[in-house]
Each structure stands twice: as structure tokens, then as C-alpha cells.
Amino acid sequence: MKKVTKIFAIAAGLFMLTATVSQAQTRENAKGVRLGVGISGGAPTDGSPFKYAYGADLGFQFELSRELALTATGGYTSFKAKDGQGEDYNFIPVKGGVKVFPQIGGLYLSGEAGFGFGTKKDAKESFIYSTGLGYQTAGGFDIGARYEGVTQQRTSNTFRPQNGQFALRLAYSFKL
């Protein structure tokens, strides 16, 4: 876990350095569609049988105004099991949500909900929800932190009573 934390701390530092070199975020002409590619790493919640999580995603941001955007994301997430506490849990999350920009630089608040489709045979889908905050630069760089909960069906062969993570996401997006 310490190695993952160090990697993300270094990546966040490099991102912040790049973000400060970029020009200030302005959302005056923010209407349009953005395509983004991101990576994330997370620390599972207390009591979880997992030691860390990581993933990648591809997302669309439909900018309705300076203050509001709708999101649609899909990707891959893997929760790695602690030694002797079962198997890894891998799934494909598909989520929709909203980003609210309070007009403080590129700061945003986000919320998403959707489903995770397990990659293991006979795994049932999971309900996924997340909330977070982040910063998006005018140059397209994005850093965000979120809590993501995963609620599985008890009848799934991958069922775990405790699933969820606190995650850091680094991404780059561009206007289409």
C-alpha cells in the first residue's frame, strides 16, 4: 500500500506542477463535449478484504453551461485481495453523473451512479455510486479525489459485504 501511495503522491505532484504552468481555467465558453482518459488508484474502506484498487476509464463530459456538465464513463476496476482473504474482484463500471463548477478556478464537485459488471464467470452486476471533488485546467489536465461505494448482490459468486474505495484520479481530456 505504501508503494501505491508514493506513486500517486509523485503523480499528483507532477500534475500540480503542470497545472500551475498552464493558464488559468476559464469556463466562459464551456459548452461542448469533452473526451477524457484517466487512471485511478485507491485505498479500500476499513473492514474490506481488499488491500488496494486501481483502474482506468474513458469518459465523456457534456458541458451544458459554465456551471454544469453531465458525464458518462466506462472503464475497468480491480480490487486486489489481501493475502488469504479470497479472490480479486474485477469489474467494468458504467456510470452517468453530473459535475458542478462553482466558478472557483477549475474546481468541480461530482456525483455519479451506475453499474459494475463483474468479469468473473457467474458474477452478478453491482450498483456503484461515487461523489468527489477535483480540479480541471484549461489545458485539459484533471485531478480528482472521490469516494466510490460498490454494493453487490448477495447471490453473486464475488459477493463481499464491504466494498468501496477512496480514490485519486489523474486524467487528460480534450474538446471534440
N, C-alpha and C. Protein backbone atom coordinates (compact mmCIF):
# COMPACT_ATOMS: atom_id res chain seq x y z
N MET A 1 0.82 -1.19 0.00
CA MET A 1 0.00 0.00 0.00
C MET A 1 0.86 1.25 0.00
N LYS A 2 2.00 1.20 0.73
CA LYS A 2 2.88 2.37 0.78
C LYS A 2 3.42 2.69 -0.60
N LYS A 3 3.73 1.66 -1.40
CA LYS A 3 4.25 1.87 -2.74
C LYS A 3 3.21 2.58 -3.62
N VAL A 4 1.95 2.15 -3.54
CA VAL A 4 0.87 2.77 -4.31
C VAL A 4 0.70 4.23 -3.89
N THR A 5 0.74 4.49 -2.59
CA THR A 5 0.59 5.85 -2.08
C THR A 5 1.72 6.74 -2.60
N LYS A 6 2.94 6.24 -2.60
CA LYS A 6 4.08 7.02 -3.09
C LYS A 6 3.94 7.32 -4.58
N ILE A 7 3.52 6.34 -5.35
CA ILE A 7 3.36 6.54 -6.79
C ILE A 7 2.33 7.62 -7.06
N PHE A 8 1.21 7.57 -6.36
CA PHE A 8 0.17 8.58 -6.60
C PHE A 8 0.56 9.94 -6.04
N ALA A 9 1.34 9.98 -4.98
CA ALA A 9 1.82 11.27 -4.47
C ALA A 9 2.76 11.93 -5.49
N ILE A 10 3.64 11.15 -6.09
CA ILE A 10 4.54 11.68 -7.11
C ILE A 10 3.74 12.14 -8.33
N ALA A 11 2.79 11.31 -8.77
CA ALA A 11 1.97 11.68 -9.93
C ALA A 11 1.16 12.95 -9.66
N ALA A 12 0.61 13.06 -8.46
CA ALA A 12 -0.16 14.27 -8.10
C ALA A 12 0.75 15.49 -8.08
N GLY A 13 1.97 15.34 -7.57
CA GLY A 13 2.92 16.45 -7.56
C GLY A 13 3.28 16.91 -8.97
N LEU A 14 3.52 15.96 -9.86
CA LEU A 14 3.82 16.30 -11.25
C LEU A 14 2.62 16.97 -11.92
N PHE A 15 1.44 16.47 -11.61
CA PHE A 15 0.23 17.09 -12.16
C PHE A 15 0.10 18.52 -11.68
N MET A 16 0.30 18.77 -10.40
CA MET A 16 0.17 20.12 -9.85
C MET A 16 1.19 21.06 -10.48
N LEU A 17 2.41 20.57 -10.71
CA LEU A 17 3.43 21.38 -11.36
C LEU A 17 2.98 21.74 -12.78
N THR A 18 2.47 20.77 -13.51
CA THR A 18 1.98 21.02 -14.87
C THR A 18 0.78 21.96 -14.86
N ALA A 19 -0.10 21.79 -13.89
CA ALA A 19 -1.31 22.62 -13.81
C ALA A 19 -0.97 24.07 -13.52
N THR A 20 0.06 24.32 -12.70
CA THR A 20 0.41 25.70 -12.39
C THR A 20 1.08 26.38 -13.57
N VAL A 21 1.73 25.62 -14.44
CA VAL A 21 2.34 26.19 -15.63
C VAL A 21 1.27 26.54 -16.66
N SER A 22 0.16 25.76 -16.68
CA SER A 22 -0.95 26.03 -17.61
C SER A 22 -1.61 27.35 -17.26
N GLN A 23 -2.28 27.92 -18.25
CA GLN A 23 -3.00 29.16 -17.98
C GLN A 23 -4.21 28.87 -17.10
N ALA A 24 -4.72 29.89 -16.42
CA ALA A 24 -5.85 29.75 -15.50
C ALA A 24 -7.08 29.24 -16.23
N GLN A 25 -7.87 28.44 -15.52
CA GLN A 25 -9.09 27.88 -16.08
C GLN A 25 -10.16 28.95 -16.25
N THR A 26 -10.71 29.04 -17.42
CA THR A 26 -11.87 29.90 -17.64
C THR A 26 -12.94 29.05 -18.26
N ARG A 27 -14.15 29.16 -17.78
CA ARG A 27 -15.25 28.35 -18.27
C ARG A 27 -16.30 29.22 -18.93
N GLU A 28 -15.89 30.32 -19.52
CA GLU A 28 -16.86 31.22 -20.12
C GLU A 28 -17.49 30.64 -21.37
N ASN A 29 -16.74 29.92 -22.17
CA ASN A 29 -17.27 29.29 -23.38
C ASN A 29 -17.20 27.77 -23.22
N ALA A 30 -17.78 27.29 -22.14
CA ALA A 30 -17.62 25.89 -21.77
C ALA A 30 -18.57 24.93 -22.45
N LYS A 31 -19.46 25.39 -23.29
CA LYS A 31 -20.39 24.46 -23.93
C LYS A 31 -19.67 23.59 -24.94
N GLY A 32 -20.09 22.32 -25.01
CA GLY A 32 -19.49 21.39 -25.93
C GLY A 32 -19.33 20.02 -25.29
N VAL A 33 -18.55 19.16 -25.94
CA VAL A 33 -18.31 17.80 -25.47
C VAL A 33 -16.81 17.60 -25.31
N ARG A 34 -16.41 16.98 -24.21
CA ARG A 34 -15.01 16.64 -23.95
C ARG A 34 -14.89 15.13 -23.83
N LEU A 35 -13.78 14.59 -24.31
CA LEU A 35 -13.44 13.18 -24.17
C LEU A 35 -12.23 13.11 -23.25
N GLY A 36 -12.29 12.26 -22.23
CA GLY A 36 -11.19 12.16 -21.29
C GLY A 36 -10.74 10.72 -21.07
N VAL A 37 -9.45 10.57 -20.78
CA VAL A 37 -8.85 9.28 -20.46
C VAL A 37 -8.18 9.43 -19.11
N GLY A 38 -8.47 8.50 -18.18
CA GLY A 38 -7.91 8.63 -16.84
C GLY A 38 -7.44 7.31 -16.25
N ILE A 39 -6.60 7.44 -15.22
CA ILE A 39 -6.18 6.30 -14.42
C ILE A 39 -6.48 6.64 -12.97
N SER A 40 -6.70 5.62 -12.17
CA SER A 40 -7.00 5.87 -10.76
C SER A 40 -6.42 4.78 -9.89
N GLY A 41 -6.20 5.13 -8.65
CA GLY A 41 -5.74 4.19 -7.64
C GLY A 41 -6.45 4.50 -6.36
N GLY A 42 -6.74 3.45 -5.59
CA GLY A 42 -7.50 3.71 -4.39
C GLY A 42 -7.13 2.83 -3.21
N ALA A 43 -7.58 3.30 -2.05
CA ALA A 43 -7.43 2.57 -0.80
C ALA A 43 -8.83 2.12 -0.39
N PRO A 44 -9.06 0.80 -0.29
CA PRO A 44 -10.37 0.31 0.11
C PRO A 44 -10.75 0.77 1.53
N THR A 45 -12.05 0.75 1.79
CA THR A 45 -12.57 1.18 3.09
C THR A 45 -12.18 0.20 4.19
N ASP A 46 -12.26 0.64 5.45
CA ASP A 46 -11.95 -0.22 6.60
C ASP A 46 -12.85 -1.45 6.60
N GLY A 47 -12.30 -2.57 6.98
CA GLY A 47 -13.06 -3.80 7.03
C GLY A 47 -13.14 -4.52 5.70
N SER A 48 -12.60 -3.93 4.66
CA SER A 48 -12.64 -4.53 3.33
C SER A 48 -11.62 -5.67 3.25
N PRO A 49 -11.93 -6.73 2.50
CA PRO A 49 -10.96 -7.81 2.30
C PRO A 49 -9.92 -7.48 1.22
N PHE A 50 -9.92 -6.22 0.74
CA PHE A 50 -9.01 -5.83 -0.32
C PHE A 50 -7.92 -4.91 0.22
N LYS A 51 -6.72 -4.98 -0.39
CA LYS A 51 -5.62 -4.13 0.07
C LYS A 51 -5.45 -2.87 -0.75
N TYR A 52 -5.79 -2.89 -2.05
CA TYR A 52 -5.76 -1.68 -2.88
C TYR A 52 -6.60 -1.91 -4.13
N ALA A 53 -6.84 -0.81 -4.84
CA ALA A 53 -7.62 -0.88 -6.07
C ALA A 53 -6.96 0.00 -7.12
N TYR A 54 -7.16 -0.33 -8.37
CA TYR A 54 -6.67 0.51 -9.46
C TYR A 54 -7.60 0.37 -10.65
N GLY A 55 -7.52 1.32 -11.57
CA GLY A 55 -8.39 1.24 -12.73
C GLY A 55 -8.04 2.26 -13.79
N ALA A 56 -8.75 2.18 -14.88
CA ALA A 56 -8.61 3.11 -16.00
C ALA A 56 -10.02 3.38 -16.53
N ASP A 57 -10.19 4.57 -17.11
CA ASP A 57 -11.52 4.89 -17.63
C ASP A 57 -11.45 5.79 -18.85
N LEU A 58 -12.55 5.80 -19.57
CA LEU A 58 -12.77 6.66 -20.71
C LEU A 58 -14.10 7.34 -20.46
N GLY A 59 -14.13 8.66 -20.58
CA GLY A 59 -15.36 9.35 -20.24
C GLY A 59 -15.68 10.51 -21.16
N PHE A 60 -16.97 10.82 -21.22
CA PHE A 60 -17.46 11.98 -21.96
C PHE A 60 -18.02 12.99 -20.96
N GLN A 61 -17.78 14.24 -21.24
CA GLN A 61 -18.32 15.32 -20.43
C GLN A 61 -19.12 16.23 -21.37
N PHE A 62 -20.43 16.28 -21.15
CA PHE A 62 -21.33 17.09 -21.97
C PHE A 62 -21.57 18.40 -21.23
N GLU A 63 -20.87 19.46 -21.65
CA GLU A 63 -20.93 20.74 -20.95
C GLU A 63 -22.18 21.51 -21.36
N LEU A 64 -23.09 21.69 -20.40
CA LEU A 64 -24.35 22.37 -20.66
C LEU A 64 -24.24 23.87 -20.45
N SER A 65 -23.38 24.28 -19.50
CA SER A 65 -23.17 25.70 -19.20
C SER A 65 -21.82 25.84 -18.50
N ARG A 66 -21.50 27.05 -18.07
CA ARG A 66 -20.25 27.26 -17.33
C ARG A 66 -20.25 26.50 -16.01
N GLU A 67 -21.42 26.30 -15.43
CA GLU A 67 -21.52 25.71 -14.10
C GLU A 67 -21.89 24.23 -14.07
N LEU A 68 -22.37 23.67 -15.19
CA LEU A 68 -22.93 22.33 -15.15
C LEU A 68 -22.53 21.48 -16.34
N ALA A 69 -22.15 20.23 -16.06
CA ALA A 69 -21.82 19.26 -17.12
C ALA A 69 -22.37 17.89 -16.73
N LEU A 70 -22.84 17.15 -17.70
CA LEU A 70 -23.26 15.76 -17.50
C LEU A 70 -22.09 14.87 -17.89
N THR A 71 -21.95 13.73 -17.21
CA THR A 71 -20.83 12.83 -17.50
C THR A 71 -21.32 11.42 -17.81
N ALA A 72 -20.54 10.69 -18.59
CA ALA A 72 -20.78 9.29 -18.90
C ALA A 72 -19.39 8.63 -18.96
N THR A 73 -19.18 7.61 -18.12
CA THR A 73 -17.86 6.97 -18.06
C THR A 73 -17.97 5.45 -18.09
N GLY A 74 -16.94 4.83 -18.57
CA GLY A 74 -16.81 3.39 -18.56
C GLY A 74 -15.33 3.05 -18.45
N GLY A 75 -15.02 1.85 -17.98
CA GLY A 75 -13.62 1.51 -17.83
C GLY A 75 -13.41 0.13 -17.26
N TYR A 76 -12.40 0.02 -16.41
CA TYR A 76 -12.04 -1.25 -15.77
C TYR A 76 -11.53 -0.94 -14.37
N THR A 77 -11.98 -1.68 -13.37
CA THR A 77 -11.52 -1.51 -11.99
C THR A 77 -11.16 -2.87 -11.41
N SER A 78 -10.09 -2.91 -10.64
CA SER A 78 -9.65 -4.14 -9.99
C SER A 78 -9.39 -3.88 -8.52
N PHE A 79 -10.06 -4.64 -7.66
CA PHE A 79 -9.79 -4.64 -6.22
C PHE A 79 -8.90 -5.85 -5.95
N LYS A 80 -7.73 -5.63 -5.39
CA LYS A 80 -6.79 -6.72 -5.12
C LYS A 80 -6.98 -7.22 -3.69
N ALA A 81 -7.20 -8.53 -3.55
CA ALA A 81 -7.48 -9.15 -2.25
C ALA A 81 -6.25 -9.17 -1.35
N LYS A 82 -6.50 -9.03 -0.04
CA LYS A 82 -5.44 -9.22 0.94
C LYS A 82 -5.08 -10.70 0.94
N ASP A 83 -3.86 -11.01 1.35
CA ASP A 83 -3.41 -12.40 1.39
C ASP A 83 -4.34 -13.24 2.24
N GLY A 84 -4.81 -14.36 1.68
CA GLY A 84 -5.65 -15.29 2.41
C GLY A 84 -7.09 -14.83 2.62
N GLN A 85 -7.53 -13.76 1.96
CA GLN A 85 -8.90 -13.27 2.17
C GLN A 85 -9.71 -13.31 0.89
N GLY A 86 -9.57 -14.37 0.13
CA GLY A 86 -10.40 -14.52 -1.06
C GLY A 86 -9.70 -14.10 -2.33
N GLU A 87 -10.52 -13.89 -3.35
CA GLU A 87 -10.02 -13.57 -4.68
C GLU A 87 -10.14 -12.08 -4.97
N ASP A 88 -9.42 -11.67 -6.02
CA ASP A 88 -9.54 -10.29 -6.51
C ASP A 88 -10.96 -10.10 -7.06
N TYR A 89 -11.41 -8.86 -7.08
CA TYR A 89 -12.72 -8.53 -7.65
C TYR A 89 -12.50 -7.53 -8.77
N ASN A 90 -12.76 -7.95 -10.00
CA ASN A 90 -12.56 -7.11 -11.19
C ASN A 90 -13.91 -6.86 -11.84
N PHE A 91 -14.14 -5.62 -12.25
CA PHE A 91 -15.41 -5.30 -12.89
C PHE A 91 -15.26 -4.15 -13.88
N ILE A 92 -16.25 -4.03 -14.73
CA ILE A 92 -16.32 -2.96 -15.73
C ILE A 92 -17.40 -1.99 -15.27
N PRO A 93 -17.00 -0.80 -14.77
CA PRO A 93 -18.00 0.16 -14.32
C PRO A 93 -18.55 0.98 -15.49
N VAL A 94 -19.85 1.20 -15.47
CA VAL A 94 -20.52 2.06 -16.44
C VAL A 94 -21.38 3.02 -15.62
N LYS A 95 -21.03 4.33 -15.66
CA LYS A 95 -21.69 5.30 -14.78
C LYS A 95 -22.10 6.56 -15.54
N GLY A 96 -23.09 7.22 -15.01
CA GLY A 96 -23.51 8.52 -15.51
C GLY A 96 -23.57 9.46 -14.32
N GLY A 97 -23.39 10.76 -14.57
CA GLY A 97 -23.41 11.67 -13.44
C GLY A 97 -23.42 13.12 -13.83
N VAL A 98 -22.99 13.93 -12.89
CA VAL A 98 -23.01 15.38 -13.05
C VAL A 98 -21.76 15.99 -12.42
N LYS A 99 -21.27 17.06 -13.04
CA LYS A 99 -20.19 17.87 -12.46
C LYS A 99 -20.72 19.28 -12.31
N VAL A 100 -20.49 19.85 -11.14
CA VAL A 100 -20.90 21.23 -10.87
C VAL A 100 -19.63 22.05 -10.67
N PHE A 101 -19.49 23.13 -11.42
CA PHE A 101 -18.34 24.02 -11.34
C PHE A 101 -18.77 25.30 -10.62
N PRO A 102 -18.33 25.53 -9.37
CA PRO A 102 -18.75 26.72 -8.63
C PRO A 102 -18.04 28.01 -9.05
N GLN A 103 -17.33 27.97 -10.15
CA GLN A 103 -16.62 29.14 -10.69
C GLN A 103 -15.50 29.63 -9.77
N ILE A 104 -14.78 28.68 -9.19
CA ILE A 104 -13.57 28.97 -8.41
C ILE A 104 -12.44 28.29 -9.16
N GLY A 105 -11.86 28.99 -10.12
CA GLY A 105 -10.86 28.38 -10.99
C GLY A 105 -11.49 27.21 -11.73
N GLY A 106 -10.81 26.08 -11.74
CA GLY A 106 -11.33 24.88 -12.40
C GLY A 106 -11.89 23.87 -11.42
N LEU A 107 -12.18 24.29 -10.19
CA LEU A 107 -12.70 23.40 -9.16
C LEU A 107 -14.07 22.86 -9.56
N TYR A 108 -14.32 21.58 -9.26
CA TYR A 108 -15.64 21.00 -9.52
C TYR A 108 -16.01 20.00 -8.42
N LEU A 109 -17.30 19.78 -8.28
CA LEU A 109 -17.87 18.75 -7.42
C LEU A 109 -18.55 17.76 -8.34
N SER A 110 -18.47 16.48 -8.03
CA SER A 110 -19.05 15.48 -8.93
C SER A 110 -19.84 14.43 -8.18
N GLY A 111 -20.76 13.83 -8.89
CA GLY A 111 -21.53 12.70 -8.37
C GLY A 111 -21.88 11.80 -9.53
N GLU A 112 -21.77 10.49 -9.32
CA GLU A 112 -22.06 9.52 -10.38
C GLU A 112 -22.75 8.30 -9.78
N ALA A 113 -23.47 7.58 -10.61
CA ALA A 113 -24.09 6.31 -10.22
C ALA A 113 -24.16 5.44 -11.47
N GLY A 114 -24.15 4.14 -11.25
CA GLY A 114 -24.24 3.21 -12.38
C GLY A 114 -24.07 1.78 -11.93
N PHE A 115 -23.58 0.95 -12.83
CA PHE A 115 -23.43 -0.46 -12.55
C PHE A 115 -22.03 -0.94 -12.88
N GLY A 116 -21.57 -1.96 -12.13
CA GLY A 116 -20.31 -2.63 -12.38
C GLY A 116 -20.60 -4.05 -12.81
N PHE A 117 -20.08 -4.44 -13.94
CA PHE A 117 -20.31 -5.78 -14.46
C PHE A 117 -19.07 -6.62 -14.19
N GLY A 118 -19.21 -7.64 -13.30
CA GLY A 118 -18.10 -8.49 -12.92
C GLY A 118 -17.53 -9.24 -14.10
N THR A 119 -16.22 -9.41 -14.11
CA THR A 119 -15.56 -10.11 -15.22
C THR A 119 -15.44 -11.60 -14.97
N LYS A 120 -15.69 -12.05 -13.74
CA LYS A 120 -15.60 -13.45 -13.40
C LYS A 120 -16.90 -14.17 -13.80
N LYS A 121 -16.80 -15.41 -14.22
CA LYS A 121 -17.98 -16.18 -14.62
C LYS A 121 -18.98 -16.24 -13.45
N ASP A 122 -20.24 -16.04 -13.75
CA ASP A 122 -21.36 -16.07 -12.79
C ASP A 122 -21.36 -14.93 -11.79
N ALA A 123 -20.55 -13.91 -12.02
CA ALA A 123 -20.59 -12.72 -11.16
C ALA A 123 -21.79 -11.87 -11.59
N LYS A 124 -22.51 -11.36 -10.62
CA LYS A 124 -23.66 -10.52 -10.91
C LYS A 124 -23.24 -9.06 -10.91
N GLU A 125 -24.07 -8.19 -11.50
CA GLU A 125 -23.73 -6.77 -11.54
C GLU A 125 -23.83 -6.15 -10.14
N SER A 126 -23.11 -5.05 -9.97
CA SER A 126 -23.07 -4.31 -8.71
C SER A 126 -23.58 -2.90 -8.96
N PHE A 127 -24.19 -2.30 -7.94
CA PHE A 127 -24.57 -0.90 -8.01
C PHE A 127 -23.37 -0.08 -7.53
N ILE A 128 -22.99 0.94 -8.28
CA ILE A 128 -21.84 1.79 -7.95
C ILE A 128 -22.31 3.23 -7.80
N TYR A 129 -21.80 3.89 -6.80
CA TYR A 129 -22.10 5.31 -6.61
C TYR A 129 -20.83 6.00 -6.14
N SER A 130 -20.66 7.27 -6.53
CA SER A 130 -19.46 7.99 -6.11
C SER A 130 -19.75 9.47 -6.00
N THR A 131 -18.96 10.11 -5.16
CA THR A 131 -19.01 11.55 -5.02
C THR A 131 -17.58 12.03 -4.80
N GLY A 132 -17.28 13.22 -5.29
CA GLY A 132 -15.91 13.70 -5.14
C GLY A 132 -15.75 15.14 -5.54
N LEU A 133 -14.50 15.55 -5.56
CA LEU A 133 -14.15 16.90 -6.00
C LEU A 133 -12.85 16.82 -6.76
N GLY A 134 -12.62 17.85 -7.58
CA GLY A 134 -11.43 17.84 -8.40
C GLY A 134 -11.12 19.20 -8.97
N TYR A 135 -10.10 19.23 -9.80
CA TYR A 135 -9.67 20.46 -10.44
C TYR A 135 -9.33 20.14 -11.89
N GLN A 136 -9.90 20.90 -12.82
CA GLN A 136 -9.69 20.72 -14.25
C GLN A 136 -9.05 21.98 -14.81
N THR A 137 -7.89 21.84 -15.46
CA THR A 137 -7.20 23.00 -16.01
C THR A 137 -7.70 23.31 -17.42
N ALA A 138 -7.40 24.51 -17.89
CA ALA A 138 -7.77 24.91 -19.25
C ALA A 138 -7.04 24.04 -20.27
N GLY A 139 -5.87 23.51 -19.91
CA GLY A 139 -5.11 22.66 -20.81
C GLY A 139 -5.61 21.24 -20.91
N GLY A 140 -6.63 20.87 -20.13
CA GLY A 140 -7.21 19.54 -20.22
C GLY A 140 -6.79 18.57 -19.13
N PHE A 141 -5.87 18.97 -18.25
CA PHE A 141 -5.48 18.08 -17.16
C PHE A 141 -6.52 18.11 -16.07
N ASP A 142 -6.72 16.96 -15.41
CA ASP A 142 -7.77 16.82 -14.40
C ASP A 142 -7.24 15.94 -13.27
N ILE A 143 -7.39 16.41 -12.05
CA ILE A 143 -7.08 15.60 -10.88
C ILE A 143 -8.30 15.61 -9.99
N GLY A 144 -8.66 14.44 -9.50
CA GLY A 144 -9.85 14.35 -8.67
C GLY A 144 -9.69 13.32 -7.56
N ALA A 145 -10.43 13.53 -6.49
CA ALA A 145 -10.49 12.59 -5.38
C ALA A 145 -11.95 12.23 -5.18
N ARG A 146 -12.21 10.94 -4.90
CA ARG A 146 -13.60 10.52 -4.75
C ARG A 146 -13.72 9.38 -3.76
N TYR A 147 -14.94 9.25 -3.23
CA TYR A 147 -15.33 8.03 -2.53
C TYR A 147 -16.23 7.27 -3.48
N GLU A 148 -15.97 5.99 -3.65
CA GLU A 148 -16.78 5.16 -4.53
C GLU A 148 -17.25 3.93 -3.77
N GLY A 149 -18.56 3.78 -3.66
CA GLY A 149 -19.14 2.61 -2.99
C GLY A 149 -19.60 1.60 -4.02
N VAL A 150 -19.46 0.31 -3.67
CA VAL A 150 -19.86 -0.78 -4.56
C VAL A 150 -20.76 -1.71 -3.76
N THR A 151 -22.01 -1.84 -4.18
CA THR A 151 -22.98 -2.69 -3.49
C THR A 151 -23.26 -3.90 -4.36
N GLN A 152 -22.86 -5.08 -3.88
CA GLN A 152 -23.03 -6.30 -4.65
C GLN A 152 -24.29 -7.07 -4.23
N GLN A 153 -24.78 -7.91 -5.13
CA GLN A 153 -25.88 -8.80 -4.80
C GLN A 153 -25.34 -9.97 -3.98
N ARG A 154 -26.06 -10.37 -2.96
CA ARG A 154 -25.62 -11.48 -2.10
C ARG A 154 -25.51 -12.80 -2.86
N THR A 155 -26.26 -12.95 -3.94
CA THR A 155 -26.24 -14.20 -4.70
C THR A 155 -25.07 -14.28 -5.68
N SER A 156 -24.27 -13.22 -5.79
CA SER A 156 -23.14 -13.22 -6.70
C SER A 156 -22.00 -14.07 -6.13
N ASN A 157 -21.28 -14.78 -6.99
CA ASN A 157 -20.15 -15.59 -6.51
C ASN A 157 -18.96 -14.71 -6.11
N THR A 158 -19.04 -13.42 -6.34
CA THR A 158 -17.97 -12.49 -5.94
C THR A 158 -18.38 -11.62 -4.75
N PHE A 159 -19.51 -11.96 -4.09
CA PHE A 159 -20.05 -11.11 -3.02
C PHE A 159 -19.04 -10.88 -1.89
N ARG A 160 -18.91 -9.63 -1.49
CA ARG A 160 -18.15 -9.21 -0.31
C ARG A 160 -19.02 -8.19 0.41
N PRO A 161 -19.18 -8.29 1.73
CA PRO A 161 -20.04 -7.35 2.45
C PRO A 161 -19.49 -5.92 2.46
N GLN A 162 -18.20 -5.76 2.36
CA GLN A 162 -17.59 -4.42 2.39
C GLN A 162 -16.85 -4.16 1.09
N ASN A 163 -17.37 -3.26 0.30
CA ASN A 163 -16.69 -2.85 -0.92
C ASN A 163 -16.77 -1.33 -1.02
N GLY A 164 -15.71 -0.73 -1.40
CA GLY A 164 -15.68 0.71 -1.58
C GLY A 164 -14.23 1.17 -1.52
N GLN A 165 -14.01 2.38 -2.00
CA GLN A 165 -12.64 2.90 -2.00
C GLN A 165 -12.62 4.42 -1.96
N PHE A 166 -11.52 4.94 -1.45
CA PHE A 166 -11.19 6.35 -1.57
C PHE A 166 -10.12 6.39 -2.65
N ALA A 167 -10.40 7.09 -3.75
CA ALA A 167 -9.52 7.01 -4.91
C ALA A 167 -9.05 8.38 -5.39
N LEU A 168 -7.89 8.37 -6.02
CA LEU A 168 -7.31 9.54 -6.68
C LEU A 168 -7.30 9.24 -8.17
N ARG A 169 -7.77 10.20 -8.98
CA ARG A 169 -7.84 10.01 -10.44
C ARG A 169 -7.04 11.10 -11.12
N LEU A 170 -6.19 10.69 -12.06
CA LEU A 170 -5.45 11.62 -12.92
C LEU A 170 -5.93 11.39 -14.35
N ALA A 171 -6.23 12.49 -15.05
CA ALA A 171 -6.79 12.33 -16.39
C ALA A 171 -6.39 13.48 -17.30
N TYR A 172 -6.60 13.25 -18.58
CA TYR A 172 -6.42 14.29 -19.59
C TYR A 172 -7.64 14.25 -20.49
N SER A 173 -8.20 15.43 -20.80
CA SER A 173 -9.36 15.49 -21.68
C SER A 173 -9.17 16.54 -22.74
N PHE A 174 -9.91 16.41 -23.82
CA PHE A 174 -9.85 17.38 -24.90
C PHE A 174 -11.23 17.55 -25.50
N LYS A 175 -11.45 18.73 -26.10
CA LYS A 175 -12.74 19.03 -26.71
C LYS A 175 -12.89 18.30 -28.03
N LEU A 176 -14.07 17.80 -28.26
CA LEU A 176 -14.37 17.13 -29.55
C LEU A 176 -14.96 18.13 -30.51
